[in-house]
PDB file of N, CA and C in Angstrom:
ATOM      1  N   MET A   1     -18.095 -25.725 -33.905  1.00  0.00           N
ATOM      2  CA  MET A   1     -19.280 -25.059 -34.420  1.00  0.00           C
ATOM      3  C   MET A   1     -18.935 -24.425 -35.757  1.00  0.00           C
ATOM      4  N   ALA A   2     -18.364 -25.193 -36.654  1.00  0.00           N
ATOM      5  CA  ALA A   2     -17.938 -24.688 -37.946  1.00  0.00           C
ATOM      6  C   ALA A   2     -19.152 -24.375 -38.815  1.00  0.00           C
ATOM      7  N   GLY A   3     -18.988 -23.389 -39.629  1.00  0.00           N
ATOM      8  CA  GLY A   3     -20.045 -22.991 -40.540  1.00  0.00           C
ATOM      9  C   GLY A   3     -19.700 -21.637 -41.115  1.00  0.00           C
ATOM     10  N   GLN A   4     -20.563 -21.172 -42.000  1.00  0.00           N
ATOM     11  CA  GLN A   4     -20.320 -19.871 -42.601  1.00  0.00           C
ATOM     12  C   GLN A   4     -20.481 -18.783 -41.545  1.00  0.00           C
ATOM     13  N   ALA A   5     -19.530 -17.876 -41.503  1.00  0.00           N
ATOM     14  CA  ALA A   5     -19.582 -16.795 -40.522  1.00  0.00           C
ATOM     15  C   ALA A   5     -20.792 -15.907 -40.779  1.00  0.00           C
ATOM     16  N   ARG A   6     -21.466 -15.520 -39.700  1.00  0.00           N
ATOM     17  CA  ARG A   6     -22.607 -14.614 -39.789  1.00  0.00           C
ATOM     18  C   ARG A   6     -22.271 -13.280 -39.147  1.00  0.00           C
ATOM     19  N   GLY A   7     -21.037 -13.137 -38.720  1.00  0.00           N
ATOM     20  CA  GLY A   7     -20.614 -11.900 -38.090  1.00  0.00           C
ATOM     21  C   GLY A   7     -19.126 -11.702 -38.243  1.00  0.00           C
ATOM     22  N   LYS A   8     -18.677 -10.560 -37.753  1.00  0.00           N
ATOM     23  CA  LYS A   8     -17.257 -10.225 -37.792  1.00  0.00           C
ATOM     24  C   LYS A   8     -16.952  -9.413 -36.548  1.00  0.00           C
ATOM     25  N   VAL A   9     -15.794  -9.635 -35.962  1.00  0.00           N
ATOM     26  CA  VAL A   9     -15.391  -8.938 -34.748  1.00  0.00           C
ATOM     27  C   VAL A   9     -14.134  -8.130 -35.040  1.00  0.00           C
ATOM     28  N   THR A  10     -14.117  -6.885 -34.583  1.00  0.00           N
ATOM     29  CA  THR A  10     -12.883  -6.104 -34.614  1.00  0.00           C
ATOM     30  C   THR A  10     -12.529  -5.764 -33.174  1.00  0.00           C
ATOM     31  N   ILE A  11     -11.247  -5.851 -32.867  1.00  0.00           N
ATOM     32  CA  ILE A  11     -10.767  -5.588 -31.513  1.00  0.00           C
ATOM     33  C   ILE A  11      -9.674  -4.534 -31.590  1.00  0.00           C
ATOM     34  N   ASP A  12      -9.842  -3.478 -30.812  1.00  0.00           N
ATOM     35  CA  ASP A  12      -8.825  -2.436 -30.719  1.00  0.00           C
ATOM     36  C   ASP A  12      -7.736  -2.974 -29.796  1.00  0.00           C
ATOM     37  N   LEU A  13      -6.606  -3.351 -30.377  1.00  0.00           N
ATOM     38  CA  LEU A  13      -5.545  -4.012 -29.623  1.00  0.00           C
ATOM     39  C   LEU A  13      -4.958  -3.141 -28.528  1.00  0.00           C
ATOM     40  N   GLU A  14      -5.043  -1.829 -28.669  1.00  0.00           N
ATOM     41  CA  GLU A  14      -4.509  -0.936 -27.645  1.00  0.00           C
ATOM     42  C   GLU A  14      -5.525  -0.653 -26.531  1.00  0.00           C
ATOM     43  N   GLU A  15      -6.782  -0.994 -26.738  1.00  0.00           N
ATOM     44  CA  GLU A  15      -7.805  -0.837 -25.703  1.00  0.00           C
ATOM     45  C   GLU A  15      -8.000  -2.118 -24.898  1.00  0.00           C
ATOM     46  N   CYS A  16      -7.666  -3.251 -25.498  1.00  0.00           N
ATOM     47  CA  CYS A  16      -7.878  -4.546 -24.854  1.00  0.00           C
ATOM     48  C   CYS A  16      -6.960  -4.698 -23.649  1.00  0.00           C
ATOM     49  N   LYS A  17      -7.529  -5.137 -22.521  1.00  0.00           N
ATOM     50  CA  LYS A  17      -6.775  -5.353 -21.282  1.00  0.00           C
ATOM     51  C   LYS A  17      -6.200  -6.759 -21.182  1.00  0.00           C
ATOM     52  N   GLY A  18      -6.576  -7.633 -22.107  1.00  0.00           N
ATOM     53  CA  GLY A  18      -6.069  -8.994 -22.079  1.00  0.00           C
ATOM     54  C   GLY A  18      -6.663  -9.857 -20.984  1.00  0.00           C
ATOM     55  N   CYS A  19      -7.856  -9.506 -20.497  1.00  0.00           N
ATOM     56  CA  CYS A  19      -8.463 -10.256 -19.392  1.00  0.00           C
ATOM     57  C   CYS A  19      -8.975 -11.621 -19.830  1.00  0.00           C
ATOM     58  N   GLY A  20      -9.299 -11.788 -21.120  1.00  0.00           N
ATOM     59  CA  GLY A  20      -9.757 -13.068 -21.629  1.00  0.00           C
ATOM     60  C   GLY A  20     -11.228 -13.360 -21.426  1.00  0.00           C
ATOM     61  N   LEU A  21     -12.005 -12.419 -20.893  1.00  0.00           N
ATOM     62  CA  LEU A  21     -13.440 -12.666 -20.689  1.00  0.00           C
ATOM     63  C   LEU A  21     -14.154 -12.936 -22.007  1.00  0.00           C
ATOM     64  N   CYS A  22     -13.804 -12.201 -23.038  1.00  0.00           N
ATOM     65  CA  CYS A  22     -14.444 -12.405 -24.340  1.00  0.00           C
ATOM     66  C   CYS A  22     -14.082 -13.773 -24.913  1.00  0.00           C
ATOM     67  N   VAL A  23     -12.837 -14.180 -24.740  1.00  0.00           N
ATOM     68  CA  VAL A  23     -12.374 -15.471 -25.247  1.00  0.00           C
ATOM     69  C   VAL A  23     -13.149 -16.605 -24.572  1.00  0.00           C
ATOM     70  N   GLU A  24     -13.302 -16.523 -23.271  1.00  0.00           N
ATOM     71  CA  GLU A  24     -14.012 -17.568 -22.529  1.00  0.00           C
ATOM     72  C   GLU A  24     -15.510 -17.584 -22.807  1.00  0.00           C
ATOM     73  N   SER A  25     -16.089 -16.429 -23.095  1.00  0.00           N
ATOM     74  CA  SER A  25     -17.540 -16.356 -23.270  1.00  0.00           C
ATOM     75  C   SER A  25     -17.997 -16.598 -24.702  1.00  0.00           C
ATOM     76  N   CYS A  26     -17.097 -16.640 -25.661  1.00  0.00           N
ATOM     77  CA  CYS A  26     -17.459 -16.781 -27.072  1.00  0.00           C
ATOM     78  C   CYS A  26     -17.978 -18.190 -27.362  1.00  0.00           C
ATOM     79  N   PRO A  27     -19.272 -18.333 -27.710  1.00  0.00           N
ATOM     80  CA  PRO A  27     -19.815 -19.675 -27.963  1.00  0.00           C
ATOM     81  C   PRO A  27     -19.114 -20.438 -29.091  1.00  0.00           C
ATOM     82  N   PRO A  28     -18.835 -19.811 -30.249  1.00  0.00           N
ATOM     83  CA  PRO A  28     -18.152 -20.588 -31.298  1.00  0.00           C
ATOM     84  C   PRO A  28     -16.630 -20.639 -31.138  1.00  0.00           C
ATOM     85  N   LYS A  29     -16.114 -20.016 -30.077  1.00  0.00           N
ATOM     86  CA  LYS A  29     -14.669 -20.026 -29.791  1.00  0.00           C
ATOM     87  C   LYS A  29     -13.854 -19.465 -30.961  1.00  0.00           C
ATOM     88  N   CYS A  30     -14.273 -18.309 -31.470  1.00  0.00           N
ATOM     89  CA  CYS A  30     -13.565 -17.689 -32.585  1.00  0.00           C
ATOM     90  C   CYS A  30     -12.646 -16.556 -32.127  1.00  0.00           C
ATOM     91  N   LEU A  31     -12.474 -16.400 -30.819  1.00  0.00           N
ATOM     92  CA  LEU A  31     -11.544 -15.415 -30.279  1.00  0.00           C
ATOM     93  C   LEU A  31     -10.450 -16.144 -29.516  1.00  0.00           C
ATOM     94  N   GLN A  32      -9.273 -15.547 -29.507  1.00  0.00           N
ATOM     95  CA  GLN A  32      -8.159 -16.111 -28.752  1.00  0.00           C
ATOM     96  C   GLN A  32      -7.255 -14.978 -28.309  1.00  0.00           C
ATOM     97  N   LEU A  33      -6.409 -15.242 -27.335  1.00  0.00           N
ATOM     98  CA  LEU A  33      -5.441 -14.243 -26.907  1.00  0.00           C
ATOM     99  C   LEU A  33      -4.236 -14.316 -27.834  1.00  0.00           C
ATOM    100  N   ALA A  34      -3.778 -13.148 -28.283  1.00  0.00           N
ATOM    101  CA  ALA A  34      -2.647 -13.064 -29.200  1.00  0.00           C
ATOM    102  C   ALA A  34      -1.362 -13.479 -28.490  1.00  0.00           C
ATOM    103  N   PRO A  35      -0.429 -14.084 -29.210  1.00  0.00           N
ATOM    104  CA  PRO A  35       0.833 -14.478 -28.579  1.00  0.00           C
ATOM    105  C   PRO A  35       1.756 -13.285 -28.293  1.00  0.00           C
ATOM    106  N   ASP A  36       1.593 -12.185 -29.048  1.00  0.00           N
ATOM    107  CA  ASP A  36       2.446 -11.024 -28.835  1.00  0.00           C
ATOM    108  C   ASP A  36       1.781 -10.022 -27.898  1.00  0.00           C
ATOM    109  N   LEU A  37       2.568  -9.201 -27.271  1.00  0.00           N
ATOM    110  CA  LEU A  37       2.091  -8.209 -26.304  1.00  0.00           C
ATOM    111  C   LEU A  37       1.755  -6.888 -26.991  1.00  0.00           C
ATOM    112  N   ASN A  38       0.775  -6.179 -26.426  1.00  0.00           N
ATOM    113  CA  ASN A  38       0.500  -4.827 -26.921  1.00  0.00           C
ATOM    114  C   ASN A  38       1.367  -3.840 -26.132  1.00  0.00           C
ATOM    115  N   SER A  39       1.155  -2.549 -26.327  1.00  0.00           N
ATOM    116  CA  SER A  39       2.010  -1.540 -25.682  1.00  0.00           C
ATOM    117  C   SER A  39       1.839  -1.505 -24.162  1.00  0.00           C
ATOM    118  N   TYR A  40       0.773  -2.121 -23.640  1.00  0.00           N
ATOM    119  CA  TYR A  40       0.557  -2.169 -22.194  1.00  0.00           C
ATOM    120  C   TYR A  40       1.151  -3.437 -21.571  1.00  0.00           C
ATOM    121  N   GLY A  41       1.723  -4.286 -22.399  1.00  0.00           N
ATOM    122  CA  GLY A  41       2.354  -5.493 -21.893  1.00  0.00           C
ATOM    123  C   GLY A  41       1.406  -6.639 -21.614  1.00  0.00           C
ATOM    124  N   VAL A  42       0.250  -6.668 -22.294  1.00  0.00           N
ATOM    125  CA  VAL A  42      -0.713  -7.759 -22.125  1.00  0.00           C
ATOM    126  C   VAL A  42      -0.950  -8.432 -23.475  1.00  0.00           C
ATOM    127  N   HIS A  43      -1.450  -9.647 -23.429  1.00  0.00           N
ATOM    128  CA  HIS A  43      -1.814 -10.373 -24.647  1.00  0.00           C
ATOM    129  C   HIS A  43      -3.250  -9.993 -24.999  1.00  0.00           C
ATOM    130  N   PRO A  44      -3.468  -9.163 -26.020  1.00  0.00           N
ATOM    131  CA  PRO A  44      -4.829  -8.756 -26.368  1.00  0.00           C
ATOM    132  C   PRO A  44      -5.586  -9.879 -27.066  1.00  0.00           C
ATOM    133  N   ALA A  45      -6.890  -9.800 -27.029  1.00  0.00           N
ATOM    134  CA  ALA A  45      -7.724 -10.769 -27.740  1.00  0.00           C
ATOM    135  C   ALA A  45      -7.637 -10.481 -29.231  1.00  0.00           C
ATOM    136  N   ARG A  46      -7.867 -11.521 -30.028  1.00  0.00           N
ATOM    137  CA  ARG A  46      -7.926 -11.335 -31.474  1.00  0.00           C
ATOM    138  C   ARG A  46      -8.955 -12.290 -32.062  1.00  0.00           C
ATOM    139  N   TYR A  47      -9.524 -11.876 -33.188  1.00  0.00           N
ATOM    140  CA  TYR A  47     -10.520 -12.666 -33.908  1.00  0.00           C
ATOM    141  C   TYR A  47      -9.785 -13.605 -34.851  1.00  0.00           C
ATOM    142  N   THR A  48     -10.156 -14.879 -34.852  1.00  0.00           N
ATOM    143  CA  THR A  48      -9.486 -15.862 -35.695  1.00  0.00           C
ATOM    144  C   THR A  48      -9.849 -15.697 -37.167  1.00  0.00           C
ATOM    145  N   GLY A  49     -10.934 -14.996 -37.457  1.00  0.00           N
ATOM    146  CA  GLY A  49     -11.321 -14.757 -38.839  1.00  0.00           C
ATOM    147  C   GLY A  49     -12.384 -15.686 -39.369  1.00  0.00           C
ATOM    148  N   GLU A  50     -12.906 -16.568 -38.529  1.00  0.00           N
ATOM    149  CA  GLU A  50     -13.935 -17.487 -39.001  1.00  0.00           C
ATOM    150  C   GLU A  50     -14.866 -17.917 -37.872  1.00  0.00           C
ATOM    151  N   ASP A  51     -16.055 -18.368 -38.260  1.00  0.00           N
ATOM    152  CA  ASP A  51     -17.068 -18.960 -37.371  1.00  0.00           C
ATOM    153  C   ASP A  51     -17.826 -17.987 -36.471  1.00  0.00           C
ATOM    154  N   CYS A  52     -17.641 -16.682 -36.602  1.00  0.00           N
ATOM    155  CA  CYS A  52     -18.377 -15.737 -35.754  1.00  0.00           C
ATOM    156  C   CYS A  52     -19.864 -15.782 -36.096  1.00  0.00           C
ATOM    157  N   THR A  53     -20.698 -15.865 -35.072  1.00  0.00           N
ATOM    158  CA  THR A  53     -22.146 -15.884 -35.282  1.00  0.00           C
ATOM    159  C   THR A  53     -22.759 -14.491 -35.178  1.00  0.00           C
ATOM    160  N   GLY A  54     -21.991 -13.508 -34.741  1.00  0.00           N
ATOM    161  CA  GLY A  54     -22.508 -12.153 -34.584  1.00  0.00           C
ATOM    162  C   GLY A  54     -23.390 -11.996 -33.362  1.00  0.00           C
ATOM    163  N   CYS A  55     -23.258 -12.888 -32.381  1.00  0.00           N
ATOM    164  CA  CYS A  55     -24.142 -12.862 -31.206  1.00  0.00           C
ATOM    165  C   CYS A  55     -23.872 -11.660 -30.300  1.00  0.00           C
ATOM    166  N   GLY A  56     -22.633 -11.169 -30.257  1.00  0.00           N
ATOM    167  CA  GLY A  56     -22.309 -10.001 -29.455  1.00  0.00           C
ATOM    168  C   GLY A  56     -21.998 -10.277 -27.997  1.00  0.00           C
ATOM    169  N   ILE A  57     -21.914 -11.532 -27.598  1.00  0.00           N
ATOM    170  CA  ILE A  57     -21.623 -11.850 -26.198  1.00  0.00           C
ATOM    171  C   ILE A  57     -20.271 -11.276 -25.785  1.00  0.00           C
ATOM    172  N   CYS A  58     -19.292 -11.354 -26.673  1.00  0.00           N
ATOM    173  CA  CYS A  58     -17.970 -10.805 -26.368  1.00  0.00           C
ATOM    174  C   CYS A  58     -18.053  -9.302 -26.100  1.00  0.00           C
ATOM    175  N   PHE A  59     -18.856  -8.613 -26.886  1.00  0.00           N
ATOM    176  CA  PHE A  59     -19.038  -7.166 -26.721  1.00  0.00           C
ATOM    177  C   PHE A  59     -19.639  -6.847 -25.356  1.00  0.00           C
ATOM    178  N   TYR A  60     -20.670  -7.591 -24.966  1.00  0.00           N
ATOM    179  CA  TYR A  60     -21.368  -7.302 -23.718  1.00  0.00           C
ATOM    180  C   TYR A  60     -20.575  -7.683 -22.475  1.00  0.00           C
ATOM    181  N   CYS A  61     -19.690  -8.660 -22.565  1.00  0.00           N
ATOM    182  CA  CYS A  61     -18.934  -9.052 -21.374  1.00  0.00           C
ATOM    183  C   CYS A  61     -17.614  -8.294 -21.239  1.00  0.00           C
ATOM    184  N   CYS A  62     -17.206  -7.568 -22.250  1.00  0.00           N
ATOM    185  CA  CYS A  62     -15.925  -6.854 -22.223  1.00  0.00           C
ATOM    186  C   CYS A  62     -15.979  -5.678 -21.248  1.00  0.00           C
ATOM    187  N   PRO A  63     -15.029  -5.599 -20.307  1.00  0.00           N
ATOM    188  CA  PRO A  63     -15.025  -4.511 -19.330  1.00  0.00           C
ATOM    189  C   PRO A  63     -14.461  -3.199 -19.891  1.00  0.00           C
ATOM    190  N   GLU A  64     -13.892  -3.235 -21.084  1.00  0.00           N
ATOM    191  CA  GLU A  64     -13.274  -2.042 -21.663  1.00  0.00           C
ATOM    192  C   GLU A  64     -14.155  -1.469 -22.772  1.00  0.00           C
ATOM    193  N   PRO A  65     -14.830  -0.342 -22.509  1.00  0.00           N
ATOM    194  CA  PRO A  65     -15.707   0.250 -23.530  1.00  0.00           C
ATOM    195  C   PRO A  65     -14.917   0.588 -24.794  1.00  0.00           C
ATOM    196  N   GLY A  66     -15.429   0.173 -25.914  1.00  0.00           N
ATOM    197  CA  GLY A  66     -14.811   0.495 -27.186  1.00  0.00           C
ATOM    198  C   GLY A  66     -13.740  -0.464 -27.657  1.00  0.00           C
ATOM    199  N   ALA A  67     -13.416  -1.491 -26.881  1.00  0.00           N
ATOM    200  CA  ALA A  67     -12.374  -2.427 -27.299  1.00  0.00           C
ATOM    201  C   ALA A  67     -12.886  -3.396 -28.359  1.00  0.00           C
ATOM    202  N   ILE A  68     -14.154  -3.784 -28.295  1.00  0.00           N
ATOM    203  CA  ILE A  68     -14.709  -4.781 -29.213  1.00  0.00           C
ATOM    204  C   ILE A  68     -15.888  -4.195 -29.973  1.00  0.00           C
ATOM    205  N   THR A  69     -15.901  -4.429 -31.277  1.00  0.00           N
ATOM    206  CA  THR A  69     -17.044  -4.075 -32.114  1.00  0.00           C
ATOM    207  C   THR A  69     -17.462  -5.337 -32.855  1.00  0.00           C
ATOM    208  N   VAL A  70     -18.756  -5.625 -32.844  1.00  0.00           N
ATOM    209  CA  VAL A  70     -19.282  -6.801 -33.537  1.00  0.00           C
ATOM    210  C   VAL A  70     -20.158  -6.330 -34.687  1.00  0.00           C
ATOM    211  N   TYR A  71     -19.912  -6.872 -35.859  1.00  0.00           N
ATOM    212  CA  TYR A  71     -20.718  -6.580 -37.038  1.00  0.00           C
ATOM    213  C   TYR A  71     -21.496  -7.832 -37.399  1.00  0.00           C
ATOM    214  N   ARG A  72     -22.768  -7.681 -37.633  1.00  0.00           N
ATOM    215  CA  ARG A  72     -23.582  -8.802 -38.103  1.00  0.00           C
ATOM    216  C   ARG A  72     -23.665  -8.711 -39.615  1.00  0.00           C
ATOM    217  N   LEU A  73     -23.328  -9.798 -40.280  1.00  0.00           N
ATOM    218  CA  LEU A  73     -23.371  -9.814 -41.733  1.00  0.00           C
ATOM    219  C   LEU A  73     -24.816  -9.859 -42.197  1.00  0.00           C
ATOM    220  N   SER A  74     -25.101  -9.129 -43.258  1.00  0.00           N
ATOM    221  CA  SER A  74     -26.441  -9.145 -43.825  1.00  0.00           C
ATOM    222  C   SER A  74     -26.693 -10.495 -44.473  1.00  0.00           C
ATOM    223  N   ALA A  75     -27.926 -10.951 -44.365  1.00  0.00           N
ATOM    224  CA  ALA A  75     -28.298 -12.225 -44.980  1.00  0.00           C
ATOM    225  C   ALA A  75     -28.289 -12.068 -46.493  1.00  0.00           C
ATOM    226  N   PRO A  76     -27.887 -13.106 -47.237  1.00  0.00           N
ATOM    227  CA  PRO A  76     -27.909 -13.008 -48.699  1.00  0.00           C
ATOM    228  C   PRO A  76     -29.339 -12.842 -49.195  1.00  0.00           C
ATOM    229  N   ALA A  77     -29.474 -12.156 -50.301  1.00  0.00           N
ATOM    230  CA  ALA A  77     -30.812 -11.906 -50.856  1.00  0.00           C
ATOM    231  C   ALA A  77     -31.437 -13.228 -51.287  1.00  0.00           C
ATOM    232  N   LYS A  78     -32.702 -13.389 -50.959  1.00  0.00           N
ATOM    233  CA  LYS A  78     -33.428 -14.596 -51.345  1.00  0.00           C
ATOM    234  C   LYS A  78     -33.972 -14.412 -52.759  1.00  0.00           C
ATOM    235  N   ALA A  79     -34.069 -15.514 -53.467  1.00  0.00           N
ATOM    236  CA  ALA A  79     -34.613 -15.467 -54.823  1.00  0.00           C
ATOM    237  C   ALA A  79     -36.098 -15.113 -54.757  1.00  0.00           C
ATOM    238  N   ARG A  80     -36.519 -14.204 -55.637  1.00  0.00           N
ATOM    239  CA  ARG A  80     -37.927 -13.806 -55.689  1.00  0.00           C
ATOM    240  C   ARG A  80     -38.603 -14.485 -56.874  1.00  0.00           C
ATOM    241  N   PRO A  81     -39.859 -14.807 -56.724  1.00  0.00           N
ATOM    242  CA  PRO A  81     -40.581 -15.411 -57.847  1.00  0.00           C
ATOM    243  C   PRO A  81     -40.657 -14.425 -59.015  1.00  0.00           C
ATOM    244  N   ALA A  82     -40.767 -14.970 -60.211  1.00  0.00           N
ATOM    245  CA  ALA A  82     -40.880 -14.129 -61.405  1.00  0.00           C
ATOM    246  C   ALA A  82     -42.099 -13.224 -61.283  1.00  0.00           C
ATOM    247  N   GLY A  83     -41.918 -11.962 -61.617  1.00  0.00           N
ATOM    248  CA  GLY A  83     -43.023 -11.008 -61.567  1.00  0.00           C
ATOM    249  C   GLY A  83     -43.195 -10.332 -60.226  1.00  0.00           C
ATOM    250  N   ALA A  84     -42.416 -10.728 -59.210  1.00  0.00           N
ATOM    251  CA  ALA A  84     -42.525 -10.102 -57.889  1.00  0.00           C
ATOM    252  C   ALA A  84     -41.863  -8.727 -57.935  1.00  0.00           C
ATOM    253  N   PRO A  85     -42.401  -7.762 -57.179  1.00  0.00           N
ATOM    254  CA  PRO A  85     -41.800  -6.425 -57.165  1.00  0.00           C
ATOM    255  C   PRO A  85     -40.410  -6.473 -56.529  1.00  0.00           C
ATOM    256  N   PRO A  86     -39.522  -5.576 -56.942  1.00  0.00           N
ATOM    257  CA  PRO A  86     -38.181  -5.571 -56.356  1.00  0.00           C
ATOM    258  C   PRO A  86     -38.216  -5.199 -54.882  1.00  0.00           C
ATOM    259  N   ALA A  87     -37.261  -5.736 -54.128  1.00  0.00           N
ATOM    260  CA  ALA A  87     -37.169  -5.433 -52.697  1.00  0.00           C
ATOM    261  C   ALA A  87     -36.656  -4.005 -52.523  1.00  0.00           C
ATOM    262  N   PRO A  88     -37.065  -3.323 -51.442  1.00  0.00           N
ATOM    263  CA  PRO A  88     -36.557  -1.966 -51.212  1.00  0.00           C
ATOM    264  C   PRO A  88     -35.050  -1.987 -50.984  1.00  0.00           C
ATOM    265  N   ALA A  89     -34.374  -0.947 -51.424  1.00  0.00           N
ATOM    266  CA  ALA A  89     -32.918  -0.858 -51.269  1.00  0.00           C
ATOM    267  C   ALA A  89     -32.566  -0.712 -49.803  1.00  0.00           C
ATOM    268  N   GLU A  90     -31.530  -1.419 -49.388  1.00  0.00           N
ATOM    269  CA  GLU A  90     -31.068  -1.339 -48.004  1.00  0.00           C
ATOM    270  C   GLU A  90     -29.726  -0.637 -47.982  1.00  0.00           C
ATOM    271  N   SER A  91     -29.501   0.159 -46.941  1.00  0.00           N
ATOM    272  CA  SER A  91     -28.200   0.798 -46.778  1.00  0.00           C
ATOM    273  C   SER A  91     -27.357  -0.065 -45.846  1.00  0.00           C
ATOM    274  N   GLY A  92     -26.057   0.152 -45.840  1.00  0.00           N
ATOM    275  CA  GLY A  92     -25.201  -0.581 -44.924  1.00  0.00           C
ATOM    276  C   GLY A  92     -24.247  -1.528 -45.600  1.00  0.00           C
ATOM    277  N   GLY A  93     -24.330  -1.693 -46.906  1.00  0.00           N
ATOM    278  CA  GLY A  93     -23.376  -2.536 -47.603  1.00  0.00           C
ATOM    279  C   GLY A  93     -23.459  -3.980 -47.187  1.00  0.00           C
ATOM    280  N   ASP A  94     -22.294  -4.584 -46.970  1.00  0.00           N
ATOM    281  CA  ASP A  94     -22.215  -5.999 -46.642  1.00  0.00           C
ATOM    282  C   ASP A  94     -22.552  -6.304 -45.199  1.00  0.00           C
ATOM    283  N   HIS A  95     -22.574  -5.292 -44.345  1.00  0.00           N
ATOM    284  CA  HIS A  95     -22.778  -5.518 -42.923  1.00  0.00           C
ATOM    285  C   HIS A  95     -24.043  -4.806 -42.454  1.00  0.00           C
ATOM    286  N   ALA A  96     -24.706  -5.430 -41.515  1.00  0.00           N
ATOM    287  CA  ALA A  96     -25.825  -4.784 -40.842  1.00  0.00           C
ATOM    288  C   ALA A  96     -25.256  -3.892 -39.750  1.00  0.00           C
ATOM    289  N   ALA A  97     -26.108  -3.333 -38.959  1.00  0.00           N
ATOM    290  CA  ALA A  97     -25.672  -2.410 -37.898  1.00  0.00           C
ATOM    291  C   ALA A  97     -24.725  -3.088 -36.921  1.00  0.00           C
ATOM    292  N   ALA A  98     -23.784  -2.318 -36.411  1.00  0.00           N
ATOM    293  CA  ALA A  98     -22.830  -2.821 -35.419  1.00  0.00           C
ATOM    294  C   ALA A  98     -23.421  -2.706 -34.031  1.00  0.00           C
ATOM    295  N   LEU A  99     -22.955  -3.555 -33.138  1.00  0.00           N
ATOM    296  CA  LEU A  99     -23.368  -3.481 -31.732  1.00  0.00           C
ATOM    297  C   LEU A  99     -22.561  -2.442 -31.037  1.00  0.00           C
TER     298      LEU A  99
END
């Protein structure tokens, strides 16, 4: 499911239990278990850095509150016809609200 990423995932490696539920549930398969162990002796999940759709399924299936944060990338601004009023300013920078 290659394509431009529409989201970004951050995983707190010390909160992750290494259960793999997020890895198995991720539709674009952009999560994997890390080869190295965290301080609890488990292989935490990690984001590969590409193909995230920002769907949030990993966030909702994770049994550890606060281990996963999903950011949805803001859509690029569309070209406006000449003479059209400017769009209202949006806050949030490059990312929309996090789940």
